[in-house]
């Protein structure tokens, strides 16, 4: 069957007009197939540098949370280098480091943290530690961060410190008829008795408690240091009871699935307690104790340090107890105690009382 002429003509391509004189227009760009390369990707040198640094920290057994923080600090610094078009670690100068210090402060203000410069100082110290490693590894000969300007920090007193009565109410608030409540009681007893940090608490293993000697071993605390802390008889008793009767019930549920990792404080399903679990414990305890204060593990750390000082313990023993590297860090609690002493002094001293009556 032949195609009709009009149909045949309809399918023929239309004649094209002669091209106009002048330069030819560029052909439209075709889209490249495959994933688009990131514009903020780091150079391979910087990636390798970070990996080597983290491996070095693991090799000398830095704490896991210290390594995690160092990784974040280095990543943030490398993003800044990318913004500055610096792709080699050898091109980092002292001037660039000072610009980074200013950039961190500007971003802290932008994020609403303008009052708290501690994060800026912490991140800069993290980068200074990184460059000490870079220099010792002979990757560069001169440390560009050696004289970087750090924000001046004013040592402020802790915002929340419990009185001895408030601390007692908080620690006694959990319901001992509930297994979870008994776990909370043992945990709060340990926190208040030892003043350990939340990271140290959550890493404790069952074997770190010596029931006979009533001591607790804190392994690889801040500064990667170990220390042994005494426990009062009451606190040791609650901890021993929890480990003997409550924890095995929790751990049994997990052991059936993947074994027991030996952590001291676990949740009722046998999993490890994390920071959100700790926050929930404090929320329940403060509500049950009737406290109108924001209480954290650091609050208990500040509180027990102040209470020990108030009760006459030598400040150097408190320094060892808290694991402070410098005595000046511990001396801040002397100021806290003095401020509390001032309130009682003004209230009870005969001359102060007479002065108040005259003013009235």
C-alpha atoms as a PDB file:
ATOM      1  CA  UNK A   1       0.000   0.000   0.000  1.00  0.00           C
ATOM      2  CA  UNK A   2       1.434   3.384  -1.103  1.00  0.00           C
ATOM      3  CA  UNK A   3       1.420   6.408   1.143  1.00  0.00           C
ATOM      4  CA  UNK A   4      -0.612   9.327  -0.249  1.00  0.00           C
ATOM      5  CA  UNK A   5       1.515  12.233  -1.530  1.00  0.00           C
ATOM      6  CA  UNK A   6       0.086  14.750   0.943  1.00  0.00           C
ATOM      7  CA  UNK A   7       0.841  12.452   3.847  1.00  0.00           C
ATOM      8  CA  UNK A   8       4.311  11.732   2.536  1.00  0.00           C
ATOM      9  CA  UNK A   9       5.008  15.452   2.204  1.00  0.00           C
ATOM     10  CA  UNK A  10       3.797  16.004   5.730  1.00  0.00           C
ATOM     11  CA  UNK A  11       6.453  13.731   7.156  1.00  0.00           C
ATOM     12  CA  UNK A  12       9.333  15.252   5.190  1.00  0.00           C
ATOM     13  CA  UNK A  13      11.531  17.621   7.192  1.00  0.00           C
ATOM     14  CA  UNK A  14      10.900  21.301   6.500  1.00  0.00           C
ATOM     15  CA  UNK A  15      13.641  23.106   4.556  1.00  0.00           C
ATOM     16  CA  UNK A  16      15.913  25.138   6.828  1.00  0.00           C
ATOM     17  CA  UNK A  17      16.617  28.834   6.183  1.00  0.00           C
ATOM     18  CA  UNK A  18      20.204  29.816   5.381  1.00  0.00           C
ATOM     19  CA  UNK A  19      22.208  30.683   8.493  1.00  0.00           C
ATOM     20  CA  UNK A  20      22.594  34.371   9.175  1.00  0.00           C
ATOM     21  CA  UNK A  21      26.040  35.901   8.862  1.00  0.00           C
ATOM     22  CA  UNK A  22      28.009  36.486  12.058  1.00  0.00           C
ATOM     23  CA  UNK A  23      29.572  34.416  14.789  1.00  0.00           C
ATOM     24  CA  UNK A  24      27.968  31.122  15.580  1.00  0.00           C
ATOM     25  CA  UNK A  25      26.067  30.931  18.877  1.00  0.00           C
ATOM     26  CA  UNK A  26      27.516  28.543  21.462  1.00  0.00           C
ATOM     27  CA  UNK A  27      25.746  25.243  21.754  1.00  0.00           C
ATOM     28  CA  UNK A  28      23.564  24.932  24.854  1.00  0.00           C
ATOM     29  CA  UNK A  29      25.393  23.313  27.725  1.00  0.00           C
ATOM     30  CA  UNK A  30      24.427  19.762  28.368  1.00  0.00           C
ATOM     31  CA  UNK A  31      23.854  18.568  31.916  1.00  0.00           C
ATOM     32  CA  UNK A  32      26.571  16.315  33.215  1.00  0.00           C
ATOM     33  CA  UNK A  33      25.374  12.967  34.354  1.00  0.00           C
ATOM     34  CA  UNK A  34      26.290  11.566  37.736  1.00  0.00           C
ATOM     35  CA  UNK A  35      26.465  13.173  41.207  1.00  0.00           C
ATOM     36  CA  UNK A  36      27.415  16.823  41.330  1.00  0.00           C
ATOM     37  CA  UNK A  37      30.714  17.475  43.068  1.00  0.00           C
ATOM     38  CA  UNK A  38      30.405  19.424  46.306  1.00  0.00           C
ATOM     39  CA  UNK A  39      31.802  22.915  46.148  1.00  0.00           C
ATOM     40  CA  UNK A  40      32.844  22.788  49.788  1.00  0.00           C
ATOM     41  CA  UNK A  41      34.704  19.480  49.586  1.00  0.00           C
ATOM     42  CA  UNK A  42      37.990  19.444  51.451  1.00  0.00           C
ATOM     43  CA  UNK A  43      41.270  18.756  49.731  1.00  0.00           C
ATOM     44  CA  UNK A  44      42.624  15.239  50.004  1.00  0.00           C
ATOM     45  CA  UNK A  45      45.578  16.522  52.007  1.00  0.00           C
ATOM     46  CA  UNK A  46      43.320  17.948  54.710  1.00  0.00           C
ATOM     47  CA  UNK A  47      41.214  14.788  54.825  1.00  0.00           C
ATOM     48  CA  UNK A  48      44.294  12.618  55.230  1.00  0.00           C
ATOM     49  CA  UNK A  49      45.667  14.998  57.868  1.00  0.00           C
ATOM     50  CA  UNK A  50      42.536  14.717  59.974  1.00  0.00           C
ATOM     51  CA  UNK A  51      42.461  10.901  59.687  1.00  0.00           C
ATOM     52  CA  UNK A  52      46.102  10.635  60.776  1.00  0.00           C
ATOM     53  CA  UNK A  53      45.489  12.953  63.730  1.00  0.00           C
ATOM     54  CA  UNK A  54      42.482  10.978  64.961  1.00  0.00           C
ATOM     55  CA  UNK A  55      44.385   7.708  64.591  1.00  0.00           C
ATOM     56  CA  UNK A  56      47.225   9.180  66.655  1.00  0.00           C
ATOM     57  CA  UNK A  57      44.761  10.178  69.413  1.00  0.00           C
ATOM     58  CA  UNK A  58      43.334   6.662  69.444  1.00  0.00           C
ATOM     59  CA  UNK A  59      46.838   5.168  69.578  1.00  0.00           C
ATOM     60  CA  UNK A  60      47.745   7.060  72.754  1.00  0.00           C
ATOM     61  CA  UNK A  61      44.336   6.249  74.245  1.00  0.00           C
ATOM     62  CA  UNK A  62      42.586   9.578  74.474  1.00  0.00           C
ATOM     63  CA  UNK A  63      39.054   9.260  75.854  1.00  0.00           C
ATOM     64  CA  UNK A  64      36.357   8.610  73.247  1.00  0.00           C
ATOM     65  CA  UNK A  65      34.513  11.873  73.936  1.00  0.00           C
ATOM     66  CA  UNK A  66      37.808  13.799  73.692  1.00  0.00           C
ATOM     67  CA  UNK A  67      38.472  12.260  70.274  1.00  0.00           C
ATOM     68  CA  UNK A  68      34.948  13.068  69.141  1.00  0.00           C
ATOM     69  CA  UNK A  69      35.328  16.689  70.229  1.00  0.00           C
ATOM     70  CA  UNK A  70      38.741  16.960  68.529  1.00  0.00           C
ATOM     71  CA  UNK A  71      37.256  15.617  65.297  1.00  0.00           C
ATOM     72  CA  UNK A  72      34.523  18.284  65.369  1.00  0.00           C
ATOM     73  CA  UNK A  73      37.054  21.035  66.144  1.00  0.00           C
ATOM     74  CA  UNK A  74      39.298  20.051  63.221  1.00  0.00           C
ATOM     75  CA  UNK A  75      36.388  19.703  60.796  1.00  0.00           C
ATOM     76  CA  UNK A  76      35.158  23.189  61.698  1.00  0.00           C
ATOM     77  CA  UNK A  77      38.628  24.636  61.237  1.00  0.00           C
ATOM     78  CA  UNK A  78      39.027  22.924  57.860  1.00  0.00           C
ATOM     79  CA  UNK A  79      35.683  24.369  56.701  1.00  0.00           C
ATOM     80  CA  UNK A  80      37.063  27.795  57.559  1.00  0.00           C
ATOM     81  CA  UNK A  81      40.219  27.038  55.534  1.00  0.00           C
ATOM     82  CA  UNK A  82      38.024  26.112  52.568  1.00  0.00           C
ATOM     83  CA  UNK A  83      36.216  29.455  52.856  1.00  0.00           C
ATOM     84  CA  UNK A  84      39.620  31.153  52.833  1.00  0.00           C
ATOM     85  CA  UNK A  85      40.713  29.107  49.768  1.00  0.00           C
ATOM     86  CA  UNK A  86      43.492  27.478  51.770  1.00  0.00           C
ATOM     87  CA  UNK A  87      43.962  23.858  50.725  1.00  0.00           C
ATOM     88  CA  UNK A  88      47.344  23.074  52.302  1.00  0.00           C
ATOM     89  CA  UNK A  89      48.180  22.978  56.003  1.00  0.00           C
ATOM     90  CA  UNK A  90      51.558  24.570  55.241  1.00  0.00           C
ATOM     91  CA  UNK A  91      49.746  27.724  54.040  1.00  0.00           C
ATOM     92  CA  UNK A  92      48.170  28.419  57.445  1.00  0.00           C
ATOM     93  CA  UNK A  93      49.707  31.568  58.942  1.00  0.00           C
ATOM     94  CA  UNK A  94      49.446  33.235  62.377  1.00  0.00           C
ATOM     95  CA  UNK A  95      47.350  35.975  60.761  1.00  0.00           C
ATOM     96  CA  UNK A  96      44.947  33.353  59.434  1.00  0.00           C
ATOM     97  CA  UNK A  97      44.688  31.799  62.894  1.00  0.00           C
ATOM     98  CA  UNK A  98      43.768  35.164  64.407  1.00  0.00           C
ATOM     99  CA  UNK A  99      41.111  35.595  61.708  1.00  0.00           C
ATOM    100  CA  UNK A 100      39.769  32.173  62.675  1.00  0.00           C
ATOM    101  CA  UNK A 101      39.573  33.279  66.310  1.00  0.00           C
ATOM    102  CA  UNK A 102      37.538  36.338  65.274  1.00  0.00           C
ATOM    103  CA  UNK A 103      35.366  34.188  62.988  1.00  0.00           C
ATOM    104  CA  UNK A 104      34.529  31.835  65.859  1.00  0.00           C
ATOM    105  CA  UNK A 105      33.538  34.772  68.068  1.00  0.00           C
ATOM    106  CA  UNK A 106      31.395  36.301  65.323  1.00  0.00           C
ATOM    107  CA  UNK A 107      29.598  32.998  64.788  1.00  0.00           C
ATOM    108  CA  UNK A 108      29.081  32.567  68.515  1.00  0.00           C
ATOM    109  CA  UNK A 109      27.362  35.967  68.638  1.00  0.00           C
ATOM    110  CA  UNK A 110      25.282  35.093  65.586  1.00  0.00           C
ATOM    111  CA  UNK A 111      24.096  31.881  67.251  1.00  0.00           C
ATOM    112  CA  UNK A 112      23.178  33.694  70.431  1.00  0.00           C
ATOM    113  CA  UNK A 113      26.095  32.410  72.527  1.00  0.00           C
ATOM    114  CA  UNK A 114      27.755  35.809  72.823  1.00  0.00           C
ATOM    115  CA  UNK A 115      27.940  35.581  76.627  1.00  0.00           C
ATOM    116  CA  UNK A 116      29.549  32.152  76.671  1.00  0.00           C
ATOM    117  CA  UNK A 117      33.057  32.405  75.209  1.00  0.00           C
ATOM    118  CA  UNK A 118      34.038  29.081  76.742  1.00  0.00           C
ATOM    119  CA  UNK A 119      33.130  27.241  73.519  1.00  0.00           C
ATOM    120  CA  UNK A 120      35.363  29.567  71.491  1.00  0.00           C
ATOM    121  CA  UNK A 121      38.301  29.045  73.841  1.00  0.00           C
ATOM    122  CA  UNK A 122      37.689  25.292  73.870  1.00  0.00           C
ATOM    123  CA  UNK A 123      37.671  25.076  70.054  1.00  0.00           C
ATOM    124  CA  UNK A 124      40.784  27.232  69.728  1.00  0.00           C
ATOM    125  CA  UNK A 125      42.608  25.091  72.272  1.00  0.00           C
ATOM    126  CA  UNK A 126      41.553  22.047  70.248  1.00  0.00           C
ATOM    127  CA  UNK A 127      43.179  23.525  67.135  1.00  0.00           C
ATOM    128  CA  UNK A 128      46.295  24.497  69.096  1.00  0.00           C
ATOM    129  CA  UNK A 129      46.590  20.874  70.222  1.00  0.00           C
ATOM    130  CA  UNK A 130      46.158  19.763  66.589  1.00  0.00           C
ATOM    131  CA  UNK A 131      48.984  22.050  65.439  1.00  0.00           C
ATOM    132  CA  UNK A 132      51.262  20.837  68.227  1.00  0.00           C
ATOM    133  CA  UNK A 133      50.828  17.370  66.730  1.00  0.00           C
ATOM    134  CA  UNK A 134      51.390  18.741  63.204  1.00  0.00           C
ATOM    135  CA  UNK A 135      54.625  20.415  64.321  1.00  0.00           C
ATOM    136  CA  UNK A 136      55.926  17.398  66.249  1.00  0.00           C
ATOM    137  CA  UNK A 137      55.168  15.245  63.197  1.00  0.00           C
ATOM    138  CA  UNK A 138      57.426  17.581  61.155  1.00  0.00           C
ATOM    139  CA  UNK A 139      54.584  18.342  58.731  1.00  0.00           C
ATOM    140  CA  UNK A 140      55.308  22.020  59.303  1.00  0.00           C
ATOM    141  CA  UNK A 141      58.334  23.544  61.020  1.00  0.00           C
ATOM    142  CA  UNK A 142      56.640  26.473  62.778  1.00  0.00           C
ATOM    143  CA  UNK A 143      53.388  26.284  64.736  1.00  0.00           C
ATOM    144  CA  UNK A 144      51.096  29.045  63.371  1.00  0.00           C
ATOM    145  CA  UNK A 145      48.726  28.736  66.348  1.00  0.00           C
ATOM    146  CA  UNK A 146      51.355  29.266  69.024  1.00  0.00           C
ATOM    147  CA  UNK A 147      50.538  32.936  69.627  1.00  0.00           C
ATOM    148  CA  UNK A 148      46.883  32.962  68.591  1.00  0.00           C
ATOM    149  CA  UNK A 149      44.777  35.460  70.531  1.00  0.00           C
ATOM    150  CA  UNK A 150      42.374  33.746  72.935  1.00  0.00           C
ATOM    151  CA  UNK A 151      39.325  35.562  74.322  1.00  0.00           C
ATOM    152  CA  UNK A 152      39.829  36.698  77.892  1.00  0.00           C
ATOM    153  CA  UNK A 153      37.694  34.558  80.151  1.00  0.00           C
ATOM    154  CA  UNK A 154      36.257  35.899  83.375  1.00  0.00           C
ATOM    155  CA  UNK A 155      35.924  33.047  85.855  1.00  0.00           C
ATOM    156  CA  UNK A 156      32.334  33.200  86.990  1.00  0.00           C
ATOM    157  CA  UNK A 157      30.796  31.435  89.949  1.00  0.00           C
ATOM    158  CA  UNK A 158      28.566  28.418  89.251  1.00  0.00           C
ATOM    159  CA  UNK A 159      25.015  29.587  88.621  1.00  0.00           C
ATOM    160  CA  UNK A 160      23.215  26.861  90.574  1.00  0.00           C
ATOM    161  CA  UNK A 161      24.490  25.303  93.794  1.00  0.00           C
ATOM    162  CA  UNK A 162      22.251  23.304  96.089  1.00  0.00           C
ATOM    163  CA  UNK A 163      22.269  23.750  99.824  1.00  0.00           C
ATOM    164  CA  UNK A 164      23.084  20.667 101.855  1.00  0.00           C
ATOM    165  CA  UNK A 165      19.393  20.271 102.678  1.00  0.00           C
ATOM    166  CA  UNK A 166      18.365  20.577  99.018  1.00  0.00           C
ATOM    167  CA  UNK A 167      20.978  18.016  97.998  1.00  0.00           C
ATOM    168  CA  UNK A 168      19.662  15.602 100.640  1.00  0.00           C
ATOM    169  CA  UNK A 169      16.081  16.025  99.383  1.00  0.00           C
ATOM    170  CA  UNK A 170      17.167  15.459  95.791  1.00  0.00           C
ATOM    171  CA  UNK A 171      19.144  12.289  96.520  1.00  0.00           C
ATOM    172  CA  UNK A 172      16.333  10.896  98.704  1.00  0.00           C
ATOM    173  CA  UNK A 173      13.571  11.651  96.175  1.00  0.00           C
ATOM    174  CA  UNK A 174      13.505   8.440  94.009  1.00  0.00           C
ATOM    175  CA  UNK A 175      10.865   5.802  94.749  1.00  0.00           C
ATOM    176  CA  UNK A 176      12.702   2.801  96.209  1.00  0.00           C
ATOM    177  CA  UNK A 177       9.738   0.490  95.558  1.00  0.00           C
ATOM    178  CA  UNK A 178      10.393   0.769  91.819  1.00  0.00           C
ATOM    179  CA  UNK A 179      13.443  -0.937  90.222  1.00  0.00           C
ATOM    180  CA  UNK A 180      14.046   2.160  88.093  1.00  0.00           C
ATOM    181  CA  UNK A 181      13.659   4.336  91.179  1.00  0.00           C
ATOM    182  CA  UNK A 182      16.240   2.230  93.027  1.00  0.00           C
ATOM    183  CA  UNK A 183      18.612   2.612  90.079  1.00  0.00           C
ATOM    184  CA  UNK A 184      18.069   6.381  90.180  1.00  0.00           C
ATOM    185  CA  UNK A 185      18.760   6.431  93.927  1.00  0.00           C
ATOM    186  CA  UNK A 186      22.082   4.583  93.506  1.00  0.00           C
ATOM    187  CA  UNK A 187      23.063   6.847  90.611  1.00  0.00           C
ATOM    188  CA  UNK A 188      22.306  10.074  92.509  1.00  0.00           C
ATOM    189  CA  UNK A 189      24.156   8.764  95.572  1.00  0.00           C
ATOM    190  CA  UNK A 190      27.240   8.131  93.411  1.00  0.00           C
ATOM    191  CA  UNK A 191      27.041  11.541  91.723  1.00  0.00           C
ATOM    192  CA  UNK A 192      26.677  13.503  94.938  1.00  0.00           C
ATOM    193  CA  UNK A 193      29.172  11.405  96.903  1.00  0.00           C
ATOM    194  CA  UNK A 194      31.941  11.568  94.302  1.00  0.00           C
ATOM    195  CA  UNK A 195      31.226  14.692  92.239  1.00  0.00           C
ATOM    196  CA  UNK A 196      32.201  12.837  89.047  1.00  0.00           C
ATOM    197  CA  UNK A 197      31.315  14.238  85.641  1.00  0.00           C
ATOM    198  CA  UNK A 198      28.443  12.827  83.595  1.00  0.00           C
ATOM    199  CA  UNK A 199      30.839  11.370  81.014  1.00  0.00           C
ATOM    200  CA  UNK A 200      32.788   9.611  83.764  1.00  0.00           C
ATOM    201  CA  UNK A 201      29.593   8.299  85.353  1.00  0.00           C
ATOM    202  CA  UNK A 202      28.231   6.797  82.141  1.00  0.00           C
ATOM    203  CA  UNK A 203      31.522   4.959  81.481  1.00  0.00           C
ATOM    204  CA  UNK A 204      31.677   3.261  84.891  1.00  0.00           C
ATOM    205  CA  UNK A 205      31.858  -0.531  84.808  1.00  0.00           C
ATOM    206  CA  UNK A 206      30.592  -2.941  87.467  1.00  0.00           C
ATOM    207  CA  UNK A 207      34.182  -3.911  88.245  1.00  0.00           C
ATOM    208  CA  UNK A 208      35.089  -0.285  89.049  1.00  0.00           C
ATOM    209  CA  UNK A 209      33.282  -0.571  92.395  1.00  0.00           C
ATOM    210  CA  UNK A 210      35.093  -2.159  95.328  1.00  0.00           C
ATOM    211  CA  UNK A 211      32.385  -2.956  97.872  1.00  0.00           C
ATOM    212  CA  UNK A 212      34.863  -4.073 100.536  1.00  0.00           C
ATOM    213  CA  UNK A 213      37.005  -0.925 100.385  1.00  0.00           C
ATOM    214  CA  UNK A 214      33.993   1.289  99.484  1.00  0.00           C
ATOM    215  CA  UNK A 215      35.861   2.904  96.591  1.00  0.00           C
ATOM    216  CA  UNK A 216      35.083   3.766  92.994  1.00  0.00           C
ATOM    217  CA  UNK A 217      37.677   3.726  90.224  1.00  0.00           C
ATOM    218  CA  UNK A 218      37.235   6.492  87.640  1.00  0.00           C
ATOM    219  CA  UNK A 219      39.157   5.388  84.564  1.00  0.00           C
ATOM    220  CA  UNK A 220      40.471   7.820  81.946  1.00  0.00           C
ATOM    221  CA  UNK A 221      38.699  10.861  83.265  1.00  0.00           C
ATOM    222  CA  UNK A 222      39.406  14.354  82.032  1.00  0.00           C
ATOM    223  CA  UNK A 223      43.018  14.582  80.914  1.00  0.00           C
ATOM    224  CA  UNK A 224      43.032  10.808  80.412  1.00  0.00           C
ATOM    225  CA  UNK A 225      43.772  10.316  84.135  1.00  0.00           C
ATOM    226  CA  UNK A 226      42.560   7.623  86.536  1.00  0.00           C
ATOM    227  CA  UNK A 227      41.594   8.311  90.124  1.00  0.00           C
ATOM    228  CA  UNK A 228      40.135   6.353  93.040  1.00  0.00           C
ATOM    229  CA  UNK A 229      37.336   7.945  95.057  1.00  0.00           C
ATOM    230  CA  UNK A 230      35.954   6.923  98.456  1.00  0.00           C
ATOM    231  CA  UNK A 231      32.245   6.330  98.976  1.00  0.00           C
ATOM    232  CA  UNK A 232      30.297   6.915 102.196  1.00  0.00           C
ATOM    233  CA  UNK A 233      28.902   3.762 103.779  1.00  0.00           C
ATOM    234  CA  UNK A 234      25.308   4.689 102.907  1.00  0.00           C
ATOM    235  CA  UNK A 235      26.094   5.400  99.247  1.00  0.00           C
ATOM    236  CA  UNK A 236      28.174   2.236  98.944  1.00  0.00           C
ATOM    237  CA  UNK A 237      25.277   0.264 100.435  1.00  0.00           C
ATOM    238  CA  UNK A 238      22.745   1.546  97.893  1.00  0.00           C
ATOM    239  CA  UNK A 239      25.166   0.943  95.027  1.00  0.00           C
ATOM    240  CA  UNK A 240      25.916  -2.604  96.189  1.00  0.00           C
ATOM    241  CA  UNK A 241      22.193  -3.352  96.515  1.00  0.00           C
ATOM    242  CA  UNK A 242      21.513  -2.009  93.023  1.00  0.00           C
ATOM    243  CA  UNK A 243      24.346  -4.035  91.493  1.00  0.00           C
ATOM    244  CA  UNK A 244      23.312  -7.180  93.352  1.00  0.00           C
ATOM    245  CA  UNK A 245      19.533  -7.160  92.830  1.00  0.00           C
ATOM    246  CA  UNK A 246      18.364  -4.543  90.327  1.00  0.00           C
ATOM    247  CA  UNK A 247      20.971  -4.397  87.590  1.00  0.00           C
ATOM    248  CA  UNK A 248      20.911  -8.168  86.862  1.00  0.00           C
ATOM    249  CA  UNK A 249      17.174  -7.907  86.128  1.00  0.00           C
ATOM    250  CA  UNK A 250      17.811  -5.130  83.608  1.00  0.00           C
ATOM    251  CA  UNK A 251      20.870  -6.797  82.072  1.00  0.00           C
ATOM    252  CA  UNK A 252      19.059 -10.133  81.599  1.00  0.00           C
ATOM    253  CA  UNK A 253      16.835  -8.614  78.918  1.00  0.00           C
ATOM    254  CA  UNK A 254      19.814  -7.454  76.887  1.00  0.00           C
ATOM    255  CA  UNK A 255      21.976 -10.519  77.541  1.00  0.00           C
ATOM    256  CA  UNK A 256      19.485 -12.695  75.685  1.00  0.00           C
ATOM    257  CA  UNK A 257      20.057 -10.579  72.573  1.00  0.00           C
ATOM    258  CA  UNK A 258      23.637  -9.347  72.501  1.00  0.00           C
ATOM    259  CA  UNK A 259      25.365  -9.939  75.835  1.00  0.00           C
ATOM    260  CA  UNK A 260      26.216  -7.780  78.828  1.00  0.00           C
ATOM    261  CA  UNK A 261      28.791  -5.033  78.275  1.00  0.00           C
ATOM    262  CA  UNK A 262      29.381  -4.582  82.015  1.00  0.00           C
ATOM    263  CA  UNK A 263      28.382  -0.921  82.277  1.00  0.00           C
ATOM    264  CA  UNK A 264      27.351   0.013  85.802  1.00  0.00           C
ATOM    265  CA  UNK A 265      24.288   2.125  85.078  1.00  0.00           C
ATOM    266  CA  UNK A 266      21.904   0.758  82.441  1.00  0.00           C
ATOM    267  CA  UNK A 267      18.258   1.302  81.575  1.00  0.00           C
ATOM    268  CA  UNK A 268      15.441  -1.164  82.260  1.00  0.00           C
ATOM    269  CA  UNK A 269      15.877  -2.813  78.840  1.00  0.00           C
ATOM    270  CA  UNK A 270      19.549  -3.486  79.555  1.00  0.00           C
ATOM    271  CA  UNK A 271      20.907  -0.786  77.227  1.00  0.00           C
ATOM    272  CA  UNK A 272      23.477   1.800  78.251  1.00  0.00           C
ATOM    273  CA  UNK A 273      22.289   4.984  79.932  1.00  0.00           C
ATOM    274  CA  UNK A 274      22.928   8.064  77.808  1.00  0.00           C
ATOM    275  CA  UNK A 275      22.765  11.801  78.505  1.00  0.00           C
ATOM    276  CA  UNK A 276      19.037  11.998  77.715  1.00  0.00           C
ATOM    277  CA  UNK A 277      18.388   9.266  80.295  1.00  0.00           C
ATOM    278  CA  UNK A 278      20.412  11.254  82.812  1.00  0.00           C
ATOM    279  CA  UNK A 279      18.398  14.401  82.048  1.00  0.00           C
ATOM    280  CA  UNK A 280      15.154  12.459  82.597  1.00  0.00           C
ATOM    281  CA  UNK A 281      16.430  11.190  85.965  1.00  0.00           C
ATOM    282  CA  UNK A 282      17.152  14.745  87.113  1.00  0.00           C
ATOM    283  CA  UNK A 283      13.766  15.952  85.876  1.00  0.00           C
ATOM    284  CA  UNK A 284      11.985  13.287  87.931  1.00  0.00           C
ATOM    285  CA  UNK A 285      14.173  13.855  90.983  1.00  0.00           C
ATOM    286  CA  UNK A 286      13.879  17.650  91.089  1.00  0.00           C
ATOM    287  CA  UNK A 287      10.103  17.437  90.699  1.00  0.00           C
ATOM    288  CA  UNK A 288       9.789  14.820  93.443  1.00  0.00           C
ATOM    289  CA  UNK A 289      12.082  16.864  95.730  1.00  0.00           C
ATOM    290  CA  UNK A 290      10.088  20.041  95.112  1.00  0.00           C
ATOM    291  CA  UNK A 291      13.126  21.969  93.862  1.00  0.00           C
ATOM    292  CA  UNK A 292      12.583  24.963  91.620  1.00  0.00           C
ATOM    293  CA  UNK A 293      16.092  24.765  90.161  1.00  0.00           C
ATOM    294  CA  UNK A 294      17.690  23.390  87.013  1.00  0.00           C
ATOM    295  CA  UNK A 295      19.799  20.520  88.346  1.00  0.00           C
ATOM    296  CA  UNK A 296      22.378  18.558  86.357  1.00  0.00           C
ATOM    297  CA  UNK A 297      25.312  16.325  87.217  1.00  0.00           C
ATOM    298  CA  UNK A 298      27.505  19.444  87.117  1.00  0.00           C
ATOM    299  CA  UNK A 299      25.201  21.043  89.704  1.00  0.00           C
ATOM    300  CA  UNK A 300      25.882  18.150  92.063  1.00  0.00           C
ATOM    301  CA  UNK A 301      29.607  18.390  91.299  1.00  0.00           C
ATOM    302  CA  UNK A 302      29.631  22.091  92.208  1.00  0.00           C
ATOM    303  CA  UNK A 303      27.456  21.438  95.254  1.00  0.00           C
ATOM    304  CA  UNK A 304      29.529  18.656  96.833  1.00  0.00           C
ATOM    305  CA  UNK A 305      32.726  20.671  96.315  1.00  0.00           C
ATOM    306  CA  UNK A 306      31.176  23.641  98.132  1.00  0.00           C
ATOM    307  CA  UNK A 307      29.763  21.435 100.904  1.00  0.00           C
ATOM    308  CA  UNK A 308      33.125  19.750 101.516  1.00  0.00           C
ATOM    309  CA  UNK A 309      34.780  23.154 101.747  1.00  0.00           C
ATOM    310  CA  UNK A 310      32.081  24.431 104.092  1.00  0.00           C
ATOM    311  CA  UNK A 311      32.631  21.404 106.327  1.00  0.00           C
ATOM    312  CA  UNK A 312      36.365  22.074 106.595  1.00  0.00           C
ATOM    313  CA  UNK A 313      38.011  19.852 103.966  1.00  0.00           C
ATOM    314  CA  UNK A 314      41.371  21.173 102.726  1.00  0.00           C
ATOM    315  CA  UNK A 315      41.104  22.680  99.257  1.00  0.00           C
ATOM    316  CA  UNK A 316      44.026  20.613  97.943  1.00  0.00           C
ATOM    317  CA  UNK A 317      42.200  17.394  98.828  1.00  0.00           C
ATOM    318  CA  UNK A 318      39.130  18.761  97.038  1.00  0.00           C
ATOM    319  CA  UNK A 319      41.323  19.422  94.000  1.00  0.00           C
ATOM    320  CA  UNK A 320      42.420  15.771  93.985  1.00  0.00           C
ATOM    321  CA  UNK A 321      38.856  14.621  94.669  1.00  0.00           C
ATOM    322  CA  UNK A 322      37.472  16.509  91.655  1.00  0.00           C
ATOM    323  CA  UNK A 323      40.377  15.641  89.374  1.00  0.00           C
ATOM    324  CA  UNK A 324      41.323  19.275  88.717  1.00  0.00           C
ATOM    325  CA  UNK A 325      44.713  19.774  87.113  1.00  0.00           C
ATOM    326  CA  UNK A 326      45.136  23.287  88.537  1.00  0.00           C
ATOM    327  CA  UNK A 327      44.380  24.500  92.039  1.00  0.00           C
ATOM    328  CA  UNK A 328      43.011  27.764  90.631  1.00  0.00           C
ATOM    329  CA  UNK A 329      40.109  25.798  89.140  1.00  0.00           C
ATOM    330  CA  UNK A 330      39.217  24.459  92.580  1.00  0.00           C
ATOM    331  CA  UNK A 331      39.646  27.818  94.318  1.00  0.00           C
ATOM    332  CA  UNK A 332      36.481  29.105  92.684  1.00  0.00           C
ATOM    333  CA  UNK A 333      34.530  27.080  95.253  1.00  0.00           C
ATOM    334  CA  UNK A 334      36.164  29.102  98.007  1.00  0.00           C
ATOM    335  CA  UNK A 335      34.440  32.150  96.505  1.00  0.00           C
ATOM    336  CA  UNK A 336      31.135  30.278  96.421  1.00  0.00           C
ATOM    337  CA  UNK A 337      31.505  29.345 100.082  1.00  0.00           C
ATOM    338  CA  UNK A 338      32.431  32.916 100.992  1.00  0.00           C
ATOM    339  CA  UNK A 339      29.289  34.217  99.281  1.00  0.00           C
ATOM    340  CA  UNK A 340      27.202  31.733 101.302  1.00  0.00           C
ATOM    341  CA  UNK A 341      29.089  32.690 104.449  1.00  0.00           C
ATOM    342  CA  UNK A 342      28.330  36.355 103.792  1.00  0.00           C
ATOM    343  CA  UNK A 343      24.577  35.692 103.760  1.00  0.00           C
ATOM    344  CA  UNK A 344      24.693  33.863 107.111  1.00  0.00           C
ATOM    345  CA  UNK A 345      27.085  36.486 108.494  1.00  0.00           C
ATOM    346  CA  UNK A 346      24.748  39.328 107.606  1.00  0.00           C
ATOM    347  CA  UNK A 347      21.802  37.427 109.039  1.00  0.00           C
ATOM    348  CA  UNK A 348      23.321  36.292 112.345  1.00  0.00           C
ATOM    349  CA  UNK A 349      26.212  38.581 113.291  1.00  0.00           C
ATOM    350  CA  UNK A 350      25.159  40.913 116.185  1.00  0.00           C
ATOM    351  CA  UNK A 351      26.634  44.056 114.638  1.00  0.00           C
ATOM    352  CA  UNK A 352      25.055  43.366 111.266  1.00  0.00           C
ATOM    353  CA  UNK A 353      21.672  42.791 112.934  1.00  0.00           C
ATOM    354  CA  UNK A 354      21.926  46.090 114.872  1.00  0.00           C
ATOM    355  CA  UNK A 355      22.932  47.892 111.678  1.00  0.00           C
ATOM    356  CA  UNK A 356      19.848  46.550 109.901  1.00  0.00           C
ATOM    357  CA  UNK A 357      17.586  47.794 112.723  1.00  0.00           C
ATOM    358  CA  UNK A 358      19.132  51.280 112.542  1.00  0.00           C
ATOM    359  CA  UNK A 359      18.619  51.400 108.779  1.00  0.00           C
ATOM    360  CA  UNK A 360      14.961  50.489 109.206  1.00  0.00           C
END
